[in-house]
Amino acid sequence: MPQVFQNSMFILIILLSGCLPKNQQGTFIEPHCLNSQSQCLIKTDIGDFDILFNVKTVITEQEFNIIVKNNSLNENLEINGFIEGKEMYMGKIPLFFQNNDKQIYIATTMLGSCSEEKMIWRMWFTVTDKLKKEETQKFFIDFKSYRR
């Protein structure tokens, strides 16, 4: 009887594991602008920046990267930001950018899901010249997310 019980439990676990939600959005793709993005290239007094994503579509509750490409010669920049719902308050989601390359800043994040099938988000950026703290630029872009 114990062997039958173990086999039954093993089969039950295998069957139930197929019902678990996916943790990731398939494969990540080459960074690009989203179709739903309000702007891709931002021009400021400090420099020009490309705002890119590593997914084809932003799906709520699934991780994705935001890539900020610094197109200026100034390598002494610091980038901070956060995301908030444009039409519905969902709190502020902080963005923590890592600078692996002097011109590329990457933040990994995830968006919460709500009752709407699609939602518009506003992503705020603050760019500061680390050598000239008084030189700061703030800007935003809007983009859509979709619920699965």
C-alpha atoms as a PDB file:
ATOM      1  CA  MET A   1       0.000   0.000   0.000  1.00  0.00           C
ATOM      2  CA  PRO A   2       2.770   2.552   0.766  1.00  0.00           C
ATOM      3  CA  GLN A   3       4.232   2.126  -2.775  1.00  0.00           C
ATOM      4  CA  VAL A   4       0.804   2.779  -4.336  1.00  0.00           C
ATOM      5  CA  PHE A   5       0.421   5.877  -2.143  1.00  0.00           C
ATOM      6  CA  GLN A   6       3.874   7.207  -3.158  1.00  0.00           C
ATOM      7  CA  ASN A   7       3.161   6.635  -6.846  1.00  0.00           C
ATOM      8  CA  SER A   8      -0.229   8.352  -6.535  1.00  0.00           C
ATOM      9  CA  MET A   9       1.336  11.359  -4.774  1.00  0.00           C
ATOM     10  CA  PHE A  10       4.051  11.600  -7.425  1.00  0.00           C
ATOM     11  CA  ILE A  11       1.483  11.596 -10.246  1.00  0.00           C
ATOM     12  CA  LEU A  12      -0.672  14.139  -8.391  1.00  0.00           C
ATOM     13  CA  ILE A  13       2.285  16.509  -7.969  1.00  0.00           C
ATOM     14  CA  ILE A  14       3.216  16.224 -11.652  1.00  0.00           C
ATOM     15  CA  LEU A  15      -0.363  16.951 -12.718  1.00  0.00           C
ATOM     16  CA  LEU A  16      -0.739  19.925 -10.369  1.00  0.00           C
ATOM     17  CA  SER A  17       2.589  21.473 -11.365  1.00  0.00           C
ATOM     18  CA  GLY A  18       1.223  21.896 -14.889  1.00  0.00           C
ATOM     19  CA  CYS A  19      -1.392  24.272 -13.448  1.00  0.00           C
ATOM     20  CA  LEU A  20       1.111  26.708 -11.972  1.00  0.00           C
ATOM     21  CA  PRO A  21       1.326  30.139 -13.652  1.00  0.00           C
ATOM     22  CA  LYS A  22       4.334  31.033 -15.741  1.00  0.00           C
ATOM     23  CA  ASN A  23       6.886  33.144 -13.898  1.00  0.00           C
ATOM     24  CA  GLN A  24       8.537  34.640 -16.963  1.00  0.00           C
ATOM     25  CA  GLN A  25       7.426  36.138 -20.256  1.00  0.00           C
ATOM     26  CA  GLY A  26       9.024  33.667 -22.599  1.00  0.00           C
ATOM     27  CA  THR A  27      12.306  34.966 -23.912  1.00  0.00           C
ATOM     28  CA  PHE A  28      13.608  38.485 -23.685  1.00  0.00           C
ATOM     29  CA  ILE A  29      14.326  40.245 -26.959  1.00  0.00           C
ATOM     30  CA  GLU A  30      16.744  42.884 -28.185  1.00  0.00           C
ATOM     31  CA  PRO A  31      15.963  46.234 -26.484  1.00  0.00           C
ATOM     32  CA  HIS A  32      13.541  48.325 -28.541  1.00  0.00           C
ATOM     33  CA  CYS A  33      10.765  50.917 -28.280  1.00  0.00           C
ATOM     34  CA  LEU A  34       7.266  49.663 -27.549  1.00  0.00           C
ATOM     35  CA  ASN A  35       4.473  50.385 -30.023  1.00  0.00           C
ATOM     36  CA  SER A  36       2.485  51.865 -27.124  1.00  0.00           C
ATOM     37  CA  GLN A  37       5.330  54.103 -25.943  1.00  0.00           C
ATOM     38  CA  SER A  38       4.666  57.878 -26.107  1.00  0.00           C
ATOM     39  CA  GLN A  39       8.314  58.720 -26.896  1.00  0.00           C
ATOM     40  CA  CYS A  40      11.432  56.700 -27.613  1.00  0.00           C
ATOM     41  CA  LEU A  41      14.069  59.422 -27.844  1.00  0.00           C
ATOM     42  CA  ILE A  42      14.147  62.126 -25.168  1.00  0.00           C
ATOM     43  CA  LYS A  43      16.201  65.256 -25.814  1.00  0.00           C
ATOM     44  CA  THR A  44      17.268  67.301 -22.768  1.00  0.00           C
ATOM     45  CA  ASP A  45      19.854  69.965 -21.949  1.00  0.00           C
ATOM     46  CA  ILE A  46      22.022  67.286 -20.300  1.00  0.00           C
ATOM     47  CA  GLY A  47      21.826  64.884 -23.239  1.00  0.00           C
ATOM     48  CA  ASP A  48      19.687  62.655 -25.435  1.00  0.00           C
ATOM     49  CA  PHE A  49      18.335  59.332 -24.174  1.00  0.00           C
ATOM     50  CA  ASP A  50      16.704  56.293 -25.778  1.00  0.00           C
ATOM     51  CA  ILE A  51      14.120  54.595 -23.541  1.00  0.00           C
ATOM     52  CA  LEU A  52      13.943  50.907 -24.486  1.00  0.00           C
ATOM     53  CA  PHE A  53      12.283  47.699 -23.271  1.00  0.00           C
ATOM     54  CA  ASN A  54      13.436  44.079 -23.536  1.00  0.00           C
ATOM     55  CA  VAL A  55       9.951  42.637 -24.098  1.00  0.00           C
ATOM     56  CA  LYS A  56       7.580  42.913 -27.037  1.00  0.00           C
ATOM     57  CA  THR A  57       4.617  43.690 -24.772  1.00  0.00           C
ATOM     58  CA  VAL A  58       4.583  44.583 -21.069  1.00  0.00           C
ATOM     59  CA  ILE A  59       2.478  42.006 -19.235  1.00  0.00           C
ATOM     60  CA  THR A  60       1.472  42.715 -15.634  1.00  0.00           C
ATOM     61  CA  GLU A  61       3.011  40.589 -12.903  1.00  0.00           C
ATOM     62  CA  GLN A  62       5.860  39.560 -15.215  1.00  0.00           C
ATOM     63  CA  GLU A  63       9.390  40.897 -14.947  1.00  0.00           C
ATOM     64  CA  PHE A  64      10.906  43.121 -17.652  1.00  0.00           C
ATOM     65  CA  ASN A  65      13.837  45.486 -18.118  1.00  0.00           C
ATOM     66  CA  ILE A  66      13.885  49.188 -18.866  1.00  0.00           C
ATOM     67  CA  ILE A  67      17.026  50.271 -20.683  1.00  0.00           C
ATOM     68  CA  VAL A  68      18.085  53.921 -20.820  1.00  0.00           C
ATOM     69  CA  LYS A  69      20.762  54.536 -23.414  1.00  0.00           C
ATOM     70  CA  ASN A  70      22.743  57.735 -22.883  1.00  0.00           C
ATOM     71  CA  ASN A  71      23.541  59.156 -26.341  1.00  0.00           C
ATOM     72  CA  SER A  72      25.613  62.067 -24.987  1.00  0.00           C
ATOM     73  CA  LEU A  73      29.333  62.203 -24.310  1.00  0.00           C
ATOM     74  CA  ASN A  74      28.709  62.948 -20.619  1.00  0.00           C
ATOM     75  CA  GLU A  75      29.502  59.773 -18.665  1.00  0.00           C
ATOM     76  CA  ASN A  76      28.939  61.349 -15.224  1.00  0.00           C
ATOM     77  CA  LEU A  77      25.182  60.943 -15.154  1.00  0.00           C
ATOM     78  CA  GLU A  78      22.961  59.383 -12.532  1.00  0.00           C
ATOM     79  CA  ILE A  79      19.470  58.193 -13.474  1.00  0.00           C
ATOM     80  CA  ASN A  80      16.611  57.604 -11.048  1.00  0.00           C
ATOM     81  CA  GLY A  81      12.956  57.036 -11.678  1.00  0.00           C
ATOM     82  CA  PHE A  82       9.626  55.555 -10.793  1.00  0.00           C
ATOM     83  CA  ILE A  83       6.471  54.284 -12.498  1.00  0.00           C
ATOM     84  CA  GLU A  84       2.908  55.214 -11.585  1.00  0.00           C
ATOM     85  CA  GLY A  85      -0.495  54.639 -13.120  1.00  0.00           C
ATOM     86  CA  LYS A  86      -1.511  57.494 -15.408  1.00  0.00           C
ATOM     87  CA  GLU A  87      -5.290  57.104 -15.104  1.00  0.00           C
ATOM     88  CA  MET A  88      -5.521  54.938 -11.983  1.00  0.00           C
ATOM     89  CA  TYR A  89      -3.465  55.268  -8.806  1.00  0.00           C
ATOM     90  CA  MET A  90      -1.490  52.083  -8.214  1.00  0.00           C
ATOM     91  CA  GLY A  91       1.222  53.560  -5.998  1.00  0.00           C
ATOM     92  CA  LYS A  92       4.762  54.431  -7.075  1.00  0.00           C
ATOM     93  CA  ILE A  93       7.054  51.673  -8.286  1.00  0.00           C
ATOM     94  CA  PRO A  94      10.688  52.740  -7.789  1.00  0.00           C
ATOM     95  CA  LEU A  95      13.238  52.068 -10.520  1.00  0.00           C
ATOM     96  CA  PHE A  96      16.791  51.214  -9.492  1.00  0.00           C
ATOM     97  CA  PHE A  97      19.076  51.675 -12.476  1.00  0.00           C
ATOM     98  CA  GLN A  98      22.352  49.776 -12.656  1.00  0.00           C
ATOM     99  CA  ASN A  99      25.106  51.262 -14.782  1.00  0.00           C
ATOM    100  CA  ASN A 100      27.087  48.339 -16.240  1.00  0.00           C
ATOM    101  CA  ASP A 101      28.283  50.375 -19.195  1.00  0.00           C
ATOM    102  CA  LYS A 102      28.948  54.120 -19.019  1.00  0.00           C
ATOM    103  CA  GLN A 103      26.233  54.740 -21.600  1.00  0.00           C
ATOM    104  CA  ILE A 104      23.661  52.051 -20.646  1.00  0.00           C
ATOM    105  CA  TYR A 105      21.441  52.063 -17.538  1.00  0.00           C
ATOM    106  CA  ILE A 106      19.186  49.075 -16.782  1.00  0.00           C
ATOM    107  CA  ALA A 107      16.370  48.635 -14.257  1.00  0.00           C
ATOM    108  CA  THR A 108      14.438  45.409 -13.734  1.00  0.00           C
ATOM    109  CA  THR A 109      10.859  45.775 -12.557  1.00  0.00           C
ATOM    110  CA  MET A 110       7.354  44.357 -12.589  1.00  0.00           C
ATOM    111  CA  LEU A 111       3.903  45.967 -12.684  1.00  0.00           C
ATOM    112  CA  GLY A 112       0.907  45.063 -10.585  1.00  0.00           C
ATOM    113  CA  SER A 113      -2.285  43.875 -12.205  1.00  0.00           C
ATOM    114  CA  CYS A 114      -5.686  45.494 -11.807  1.00  0.00           C
ATOM    115  CA  SER A 115      -9.176  44.853 -13.132  1.00  0.00           C
ATOM    116  CA  GLU A 116      -8.512  46.601 -16.461  1.00  0.00           C
ATOM    117  CA  GLU A 117      -7.351  44.558 -19.472  1.00  0.00           C
ATOM    118  CA  LYS A 118      -4.867  47.283 -20.414  1.00  0.00           C
ATOM    119  CA  MET A 119      -3.479  50.179 -18.455  1.00  0.00           C
ATOM    120  CA  ILE A 120      -1.429  53.267 -19.243  1.00  0.00           C
ATOM    121  CA  TRP A 121       1.597  53.844 -17.040  1.00  0.00           C
ATOM    122  CA  ARG A 122       3.741  56.964 -16.666  1.00  0.00           C
ATOM    123  CA  MET A 123       7.458  56.436 -16.125  1.00  0.00           C
ATOM    124  CA  TRP A 124       9.283  59.417 -14.594  1.00  0.00           C
ATOM    125  CA  PHE A 125      13.035  59.922 -14.942  1.00  0.00           C
ATOM    126  CA  THR A 126      15.427  62.245 -13.137  1.00  0.00           C
ATOM    127  CA  VAL A 127      18.849  62.632 -14.742  1.00  0.00           C
ATOM    128  CA  THR A 128      21.548  64.398 -12.731  1.00  0.00           C
ATOM    129  CA  ASP A 129      25.098  65.322 -13.661  1.00  0.00           C
ATOM    130  CA  LYS A 130      27.114  63.924 -10.722  1.00  0.00           C
ATOM    131  CA  LEU A 131      29.798  66.614 -11.162  1.00  0.00           C
ATOM    132  CA  LYS A 132      27.320  69.502 -11.421  1.00  0.00           C
ATOM    133  CA  LYS A 133      24.491  68.592  -9.024  1.00  0.00           C
ATOM    134  CA  GLU A 134      22.511  71.676 -10.053  1.00  0.00           C
ATOM    135  CA  GLU A 135      22.182  70.248 -13.573  1.00  0.00           C
ATOM    136  CA  THR A 136      19.109  68.025 -13.328  1.00  0.00           C
ATOM    137  CA  GLN A 137      16.520  67.142 -15.952  1.00  0.00           C
ATOM    138  CA  LYS A 138      13.144  65.496 -15.344  1.00  0.00           C
ATOM    139  CA  PHE A 139      11.020  63.888 -18.044  1.00  0.00           C
ATOM    140  CA  PHE A 140       8.495  61.093 -18.517  1.00  0.00           C
ATOM    141  CA  ILE A 141       7.137  58.652 -21.051  1.00  0.00           C
ATOM    142  CA  ASP A 142       3.818  56.802 -21.121  1.00  0.00           C
ATOM    143  CA  PHE A 143       3.366  53.157 -22.119  1.00  0.00           C
ATOM    144  CA  LYS A 144       0.731  50.438 -21.915  1.00  0.00           C
ATOM    145  CA  SER A 145       0.664  47.157 -20.067  1.00  0.00           C
ATOM    146  CA  TYR A 146      -1.701  44.248 -20.654  1.00  0.00           C
ATOM    147  CA  ARG A 147      -3.202  41.713 -18.273  1.00  0.00           C
ATOM    148  CA  ARG A 148      -3.047  38.043 -19.154  1.00  0.00           C
END
